[in-house]
Structures are given as C-alpha cells and as structure tokens.
Amino acid sequence: MIASKLIQTIKAHRGPIFVEVCNFNDCFWIQVVKSDLLAQLSPFEADAETGFELNADGCLGKDYSSQL
C-alpha cells in the first residue's frame, strides 16, 4: 500500500489494530497503539510503497500483492 493511503486508512479505522509478527513456526497478532504505528510510518515518502496493508478487520501485515 502507498504510504499516504495506508496512513489515511489507519487514521480512519475504528477499533483496535493488530500487527503480524512471525517467526519460523508461529504467527502472532499483536495489538498496537495507532500513534506509535503512525510514527513508525513517518520515514516513508508519501508516494512510496510500504509493503504493508491494513484489512477491514484491523490486521496490518505484509502486502504480498504489491511485492510481485
């Protein structure tokens, strides 16, 4: 997702946001604070591809469709 669109989507989302954390065998969804998440996205240029997507359930993970 493009950084500006992702930031806009995060700000508009109502409810908790979960970030995917994976290792070799397990995958966990950790609830994050929106302001902290937005601070982590600030280094991206507005039109840069972040490689992440936020779905309607509030889960932020890898954007596999943009990695082709």
PDB file of N, CA and C in Angstrom:
ATOM      1  N   MET A   1       0.842  -1.172   0.000  1.00  0.00           N
ATOM      2  CA  MET A   1       0.000   0.000   0.000  1.00  0.00           C
ATOM      3  C   MET A   1       0.892   1.241   0.000  1.00  0.00           C
ATOM      4  N   ILE A   2       0.474   2.268  -0.699  1.00  0.00           N
ATOM      5  CA  ILE A   2       1.195   3.530  -0.733  1.00  0.00           C
ATOM      6  C   ILE A   2       1.092   4.182   0.647  1.00  0.00           C
ATOM      7  N   ALA A   3       2.183   4.805   1.113  1.00  0.00           N
ATOM      8  CA  ALA A   3       2.259   5.333   2.475  1.00  0.00           C
ATOM      9  C   ALA A   3       1.118   6.288   2.814  1.00  0.00           C
ATOM     10  N   SER A   4       0.823   7.225   1.941  1.00  0.00           N
ATOM     11  CA  SER A   4      -0.240   8.201   2.246  1.00  0.00           C
ATOM     12  C   SER A   4      -1.605   7.520   2.374  1.00  0.00           C
ATOM     13  N   LYS A   5      -1.874   6.525   1.533  1.00  0.00           N
ATOM     14  CA  LYS A   5      -3.148   5.794   1.597  1.00  0.00           C
ATOM     15  C   LYS A   5      -3.206   4.926   2.854  1.00  0.00           C
ATOM     16  N   LEU A   6      -2.085   4.312   3.209  1.00  0.00           N
ATOM     17  CA  LEU A   6      -2.039   3.485   4.419  1.00  0.00           C
ATOM     18  C   LEU A   6      -2.255   4.334   5.667  1.00  0.00           C
ATOM     19  N   ILE A   7      -1.611   5.487   5.739  1.00  0.00           N
ATOM     20  CA  ILE A   7      -1.780   6.380   6.892  1.00  0.00           C
ATOM     21  C   ILE A   7      -3.230   6.849   6.985  1.00  0.00           C
ATOM     22  N   GLN A   8      -3.819   7.193   5.860  1.00  0.00           N
ATOM     23  CA  GLN A   8      -5.217   7.618   5.826  1.00  0.00           C
ATOM     24  C   GLN A   8      -6.131   6.484   6.296  1.00  0.00           C
ATOM     25  N   THR A   9      -5.846   5.255   5.868  1.00  0.00           N
ATOM     26  CA  THR A   9      -6.653   4.097   6.251  1.00  0.00           C
ATOM     27  C   THR A   9      -6.518   3.815   7.747  1.00  0.00           C
ATOM     28  N   ILE A  10      -5.316   3.946   8.286  1.00  0.00           N
ATOM     29  CA  ILE A  10      -5.098   3.728   9.721  1.00  0.00           C
ATOM     30  C   ILE A  10      -5.860   4.765  10.540  1.00  0.00           C
ATOM     31  N   LYS A  11      -5.792   6.021  10.138  1.00  0.00           N
ATOM     32  CA  LYS A  11      -6.491   7.078  10.865  1.00  0.00           C
ATOM     33  C   LYS A  11      -8.007   6.895  10.814  1.00  0.00           C
ATOM     34  N   ALA A  12      -8.528   6.397   9.705  1.00  0.00           N
ATOM     35  CA  ALA A  12      -9.972   6.215   9.547  1.00  0.00           C
ATOM     36  C   ALA A  12     -10.495   4.959  10.229  1.00  0.00           C
ATOM     37  N   HIS A  13      -9.613   3.997  10.506  1.00  0.00           N
ATOM     38  CA  HIS A  13     -10.052   2.721  11.084  1.00  0.00           C
ATOM     39  C   HIS A  13     -10.537   2.918  12.518  1.00  0.00           C
ATOM     40  N   ARG A  14     -11.694   2.383  12.819  1.00  0.00           N
ATOM     41  CA  ARG A  14     -12.251   2.416  14.174  1.00  0.00           C
ATOM     42  C   ARG A  14     -12.062   1.038  14.791  1.00  0.00           C
ATOM     43  N   GLY A  15     -11.513   1.018  15.975  1.00  0.00           N
ATOM     44  CA  GLY A  15     -11.267  -0.248  16.653  1.00  0.00           C
ATOM     45  C   GLY A  15      -9.780  -0.532  16.741  1.00  0.00           C
ATOM     46  N   PRO A  16      -9.432  -1.665  17.331  1.00  0.00           N
ATOM     47  CA  PRO A  16      -8.009  -1.996  17.528  1.00  0.00           C
ATOM     48  C   PRO A  16      -7.314  -2.363  16.212  1.00  0.00           C
ATOM     49  N   ILE A  17      -6.002  -2.152  16.188  1.00  0.00           N
ATOM     50  CA  ILE A  17      -5.175  -2.551  15.052  1.00  0.00           C
ATOM     51  C   ILE A  17      -4.171  -3.575  15.553  1.00  0.00           C
ATOM     52  N   PHE A  18      -4.012  -4.651  14.796  1.00  0.00           N
ATOM     53  CA  PHE A  18      -3.104  -5.731  15.147  1.00  0.00           C
ATOM     54  C   PHE A  18      -2.028  -5.848  14.076  1.00  0.00           C
ATOM     55  N   VAL A  19      -0.779  -6.034  14.511  1.00  0.00           N
ATOM     56  CA  VAL A  19       0.353  -6.187  13.595  1.00  0.00           C
ATOM     57  C   VAL A  19       0.812  -7.638  13.637  1.00  0.00           C
ATOM     58  N   GLU A  20       1.072  -8.185  12.477  1.00  0.00           N
ATOM     59  CA  GLU A  20       1.509  -9.575  12.340  1.00  0.00           C
ATOM     60  C   GLU A  20       2.993  -9.690  12.693  1.00  0.00           C
ATOM     61  N   VAL A  21       3.302 -10.611  13.600  1.00  0.00           N
ATOM     62  CA  VAL A  21       4.685 -10.903  13.981  1.00  0.00           C
ATOM     63  C   VAL A  21       4.890 -12.403  13.801  1.00  0.00           C
ATOM     64  N   CYS A  22       5.832 -12.780  12.946  1.00  0.00           N
ATOM     65  CA  CYS A  22       6.033 -14.198  12.629  1.00  0.00           C
ATOM     66  C   CYS A  22       7.480 -14.604  12.833  1.00  0.00           C
ATOM     67  N   ASN A  23       7.664 -15.873  13.202  1.00  0.00           N
ATOM     68  CA  ASN A  23       8.988 -16.482  13.193  1.00  0.00           C
ATOM     69  C   ASN A  23       8.890 -17.724  12.305  1.00  0.00           C
ATOM     70  N   PHE A  24       9.766 -18.674  12.494  1.00  0.00           N
ATOM     71  CA  PHE A  24       9.785 -19.841  11.614  1.00  0.00           C
ATOM     72  C   PHE A  24       8.552 -20.729  11.749  1.00  0.00           C
ATOM     73  N   ASN A  25       7.986 -20.815  12.943  1.00  0.00           N
ATOM     74  CA  ASN A  25       6.901 -21.760  13.187  1.00  0.00           C
ATOM     75  C   ASN A  25       5.567 -21.129  13.560  1.00  0.00           C
ATOM     76  N   ASP A  26       5.585 -19.913  14.081  1.00  0.00           N
ATOM     77  CA  ASP A  26       4.386 -19.318  14.645  1.00  0.00           C
ATOM     78  C   ASP A  26       4.119 -17.941  14.059  1.00  0.00           C
ATOM     79  N   CYS A  27       2.867 -17.537  14.174  1.00  0.00           N
ATOM     80  CA  CYS A  27       2.459 -16.198  13.759  1.00  0.00           C
ATOM     81  C   CYS A  27       1.548 -15.640  14.854  1.00  0.00           C
ATOM     82  N   PHE A  28       1.858 -14.447  15.321  1.00  0.00           N
ATOM     83  CA  PHE A  28       1.076 -13.806  16.366  1.00  0.00           C
ATOM     84  C   PHE A  28       0.560 -12.471  15.852  1.00  0.00           C
ATOM     85  N   TRP A  29      -0.579 -12.044  16.369  1.00  0.00           N
ATOM     86  CA  TRP A  29      -1.143 -10.734  16.049  1.00  0.00           C
ATOM     87  C   TRP A  29      -1.098  -9.920  17.327  1.00  0.00           C
ATOM     88  N   ILE A  30      -0.290  -8.856  17.320  1.00  0.00           N
ATOM     89  CA  ILE A  30      -0.063  -8.023  18.496  1.00  0.00           C
ATOM     90  C   ILE A  30      -0.825  -6.713  18.331  1.00  0.00           C
ATOM     91  N   GLN A  31      -1.612  -6.329  19.341  1.00  0.00           N
ATOM     92  CA  GLN A  31      -2.342  -5.066  19.278  1.00  0.00           C
ATOM     93  C   GLN A  31      -1.366  -3.916  19.478  1.00  0.00           C
ATOM     94  N   VAL A  32      -1.485  -2.880  18.638  1.00  0.00           N
ATOM     95  CA  VAL A  32      -0.571  -1.741  18.693  1.00  0.00           C
ATOM     96  C   VAL A  32      -1.342  -0.451  18.970  1.00  0.00           C
ATOM     97  N   VAL A  33      -0.588   0.572  19.362  1.00  0.00           N
ATOM     98  CA  VAL A  33      -1.141   1.907  19.564  1.00  0.00           C
ATOM     99  C   VAL A  33      -1.045   2.650  18.234  1.00  0.00           C
ATOM    100  N   LYS A  34      -2.149   3.248  17.794  1.00  0.00           N
ATOM    101  CA  LYS A  34      -2.180   3.910  16.491  1.00  0.00           C
ATOM    102  C   LYS A  34      -1.104   4.975  16.345  1.00  0.00           C
ATOM    103  N   SER A  35      -0.923   5.809  17.361  1.00  0.00           N
ATOM    104  CA  SER A  35       0.061   6.892  17.262  1.00  0.00           C
ATOM    105  C   SER A  35       1.476   6.339  17.110  1.00  0.00           C
ATOM    106  N   ASP A  36       1.785   5.228  17.779  1.00  0.00           N
ATOM    107  CA  ASP A  36       3.097   4.608  17.628  1.00  0.00           C
ATOM    108  C   ASP A  36       3.276   4.020  16.230  1.00  0.00           C
ATOM    109  N   LEU A  37       2.225   3.419  15.705  1.00  0.00           N
ATOM    110  CA  LEU A  37       2.269   2.859  14.359  1.00  0.00           C
ATOM    111  C   LEU A  37       2.467   3.965  13.325  1.00  0.00           C
ATOM    112  N   LEU A  38       1.760   5.065  13.473  1.00  0.00           N
ATOM    113  CA  LEU A  38       1.909   6.191  12.554  1.00  0.00           C
ATOM    114  C   LEU A  38       3.317   6.786  12.636  1.00  0.00           C
ATOM    115  N   ALA A  39       3.897   6.816  13.823  1.00  0.00           N
ATOM    116  CA  ALA A  39       5.267   7.316  13.976  1.00  0.00           C
ATOM    117  C   ALA A  39       6.257   6.420  13.242  1.00  0.00           C
ATOM    118  N   GLN A  40       6.013   5.117  13.215  1.00  0.00           N
ATOM    119  CA  GLN A  40       6.898   4.193  12.503  1.00  0.00           C
ATOM    120  C   GLN A  40       6.773   4.342  10.992  1.00  0.00           C
ATOM    121  N   LEU A  41       5.646   4.833  10.514  1.00  0.00           N
ATOM    122  CA  LEU A  41       5.440   5.017   9.081  1.00  0.00           C
ATOM    123  C   LEU A  41       5.928   6.375   8.586  1.00  0.00           C
ATOM    124  N   SER A  42       6.282   7.274   9.490  1.00  0.00           N
ATOM    125  CA  SER A  42       6.681   8.627   9.093  1.00  0.00           C
ATOM    126  C   SER A  42       7.934   8.691   8.209  1.00  0.00           C
ATOM    127  N   PRO A  43       8.904   7.765   8.287  1.00  0.00           N
ATOM    128  CA  PRO A  43      10.066   7.853   7.390  1.00  0.00           C
ATOM    129  C   PRO A  43       9.745   7.612   5.912  1.00  0.00           C
ATOM    130  N   PHE A  44       8.618   7.000   5.608  1.00  0.00           N
ATOM    131  CA  PHE A  44       8.247   6.741   4.216  1.00  0.00           C
ATOM    132  C   PHE A  44       7.832   8.035   3.526  1.00  0.00           C
ATOM    133  N   GLU A  45       8.226   8.185   2.275  1.00  0.00           N
ATOM    134  CA  GLU A  45       7.724   9.290   1.459  1.00  0.00           C
ATOM    135  C   GLU A  45       6.234   9.047   1.208  1.00  0.00           C
ATOM    136  N   ALA A  46       5.483  10.110   0.950  1.00  0.00           N
ATOM    137  CA  ALA A  46       4.026   9.994   0.789  1.00  0.00           C
ATOM    138  C   ALA A  46       3.626   9.066  -0.357  1.00  0.00           C
ATOM    139  N   ASP A  47       4.429   9.028  -1.417  1.00  0.00           N
ATOM    140  CA  ASP A  47       4.080   8.199  -2.575  1.00  0.00           C
ATOM    141  C   ASP A  47       4.885   6.903  -2.649  1.00  0.00           C
ATOM    142  N   ALA A  48       5.550   6.529  -1.554  1.00  0.00           N
ATOM    143  CA  ALA A  48       6.372   5.317  -1.521  1.00  0.00           C
ATOM    144  C   ALA A  48       5.531   4.099  -1.157  1.00  0.00           C
ATOM    145  N   GLU A  49       5.900   2.959  -1.708  1.00  0.00           N
ATOM    146  CA  GLU A  49       5.252   1.686  -1.383  1.00  0.00           C
ATOM    147  C   GLU A  49       5.814   1.196  -0.050  1.00  0.00           C
ATOM    148  N   THR A  50       4.936   0.913   0.917  1.00  0.00           N
ATOM    149  CA  THR A  50       5.379   0.481   2.240  1.00  0.00           C
ATOM    150  C   THR A  50       5.584  -1.023   2.339  1.00  0.00           C
ATOM    151  N   GLY A  51       4.854  -1.785   1.535  1.00  0.00           N
ATOM    152  CA  GLY A  51       4.926  -3.237   1.632  1.00  0.00           C
ATOM    153  C   GLY A  51       3.976  -3.809   2.666  1.00  0.00           C
ATOM    154  N   PHE A  52       3.091  -2.967   3.223  1.00  0.00           N
ATOM    155  CA  PHE A  52       2.122  -3.398   4.226  1.00  0.00           C
ATOM    156  C   PHE A  52       0.718  -3.050   3.757  1.00  0.00           C
ATOM    157  N   GLU A  53      -0.268  -3.769   4.313  1.00  0.00           N
ATOM    158  CA  GLU A  53      -1.669  -3.447   4.053  1.00  0.00           C
ATOM    159  C   GLU A  53      -2.470  -3.625   5.333  1.00  0.00           C
ATOM    160  N   LEU A  54      -3.519  -2.851   5.462  1.00  0.00           N
ATOM    161  CA  LEU A  54      -4.437  -2.949   6.591  1.00  0.00           C
ATOM    162  C   LEU A  54      -5.771  -3.446   6.061  1.00  0.00           C
ATOM    163  N   ASN A  55      -6.230  -4.582   6.587  1.00  0.00           N
ATOM    164  CA  ASN A  55      -7.518  -5.104   6.103  1.00  0.00           C
ATOM    165  C   ASN A  55      -8.662  -4.540   6.947  1.00  0.00           C
ATOM    166  N   ALA A  56      -9.869  -4.881   6.592  1.00  0.00           N
ATOM    167  CA  ALA A  56     -11.061  -4.348   7.261  1.00  0.00           C
ATOM    168  C   ALA A  56     -11.169  -4.790   8.720  1.00  0.00           C
ATOM    169  N   ASP A  57     -10.507  -5.890   9.085  1.00  0.00           N
ATOM    170  CA  ASP A  57     -10.548  -6.380  10.466  1.00  0.00           C
ATOM    171  C   ASP A  57      -9.518  -5.701  11.359  1.00  0.00           C
ATOM    172  N   GLY A  58      -8.689  -4.823  10.796  1.00  0.00           N
ATOM    173  CA  GLY A  58      -7.682  -4.116  11.581  1.00  0.00           C
ATOM    174  C   GLY A  58      -6.369  -4.854  11.679  1.00  0.00           C
ATOM    175  N   CYS A  59      -6.120  -5.786  10.781  1.00  0.00           N
ATOM    176  CA  CYS A  59      -4.874  -6.554  10.791  1.00  0.00           C
ATOM    177  C   CYS A  59      -3.893  -5.957   9.779  1.00  0.00           C
ATOM    178  N   LEU A  60      -2.734  -5.534  10.261  1.00  0.00           N
ATOM    179  CA  LEU A  60      -1.696  -4.958   9.415  1.00  0.00           C
ATOM    180  C   LEU A  60      -0.632  -6.012   9.186  1.00  0.00           C
ATOM    181  N   GLY A  61      -0.411  -6.359   7.932  1.00  0.00           N
ATOM    182  CA  GLY A  61       0.575  -7.385   7.600  1.00  0.00           C
ATOM    183  C   GLY A  61       1.206  -7.105   6.258  1.00  0.00           C
ATOM    184  N   LYS A  62       2.009  -8.048   5.788  1.00  0.00           N
ATOM    185  CA  LYS A  62       2.688  -7.927   4.502  1.00  0.00           C
ATOM    186  C   LYS A  62       1.684  -7.782   3.376  1.00  0.00           C
ATOM    187  N   ASP A  63       1.994  -6.902   2.441  1.00  0.00           N
ATOM    188  CA  ASP A  63       1.167  -6.710   1.248  1.00  0.00           C
ATOM    189  C   ASP A  63       1.789  -7.535   0.132  1.00  0.00           C
ATOM    190  N   TYR A  64       1.387  -8.798   0.057  1.00  0.00           N
ATOM    191  CA  TYR A  64       2.001  -9.713  -0.901  1.00  0.00           C
ATOM    192  C   TYR A  64       1.662  -9.357  -2.346  1.00  0.00           C
ATOM    193  N   SER A  65       0.526  -8.708  -2.583  1.00  0.00           N
ATOM    194  CA  SER A  65       0.152  -8.358  -3.956  1.00  0.00           C
ATOM    195  C   SER A  65       1.044  -7.250  -4.526  1.00  0.00           C
ATOM    196  N   SER A  66       1.613  -6.387  -3.675  1.00  0.00           N
ATOM    197  CA  SER A  66       2.479  -5.320  -4.179  1.00  0.00           C
ATOM    198  C   SER A  66       3.929  -5.768  -4.290  1.00  0.00           C
ATOM    199  N   GLN A  67       4.246  -6.974  -3.847  1.00  0.00           N
ATOM    200  CA  GLN A  67       5.620  -7.461  -3.847  1.00  0.00           C
ATOM    201  C   GLN A  67       5.952  -8.247  -5.090  1.00  0.00           C
ATOM    202  N   LEU A  68       5.080  -8.264  -6.090  1.00  0.00           N
ATOM    203  CA  LEU A  68       5.295  -9.055  -7.312  1.00  0.00           C
ATOM    204  C   LEU A  68       6.355  -8.473  -8.179  1.00  0.00           C
TER     205      LEU A  68
END
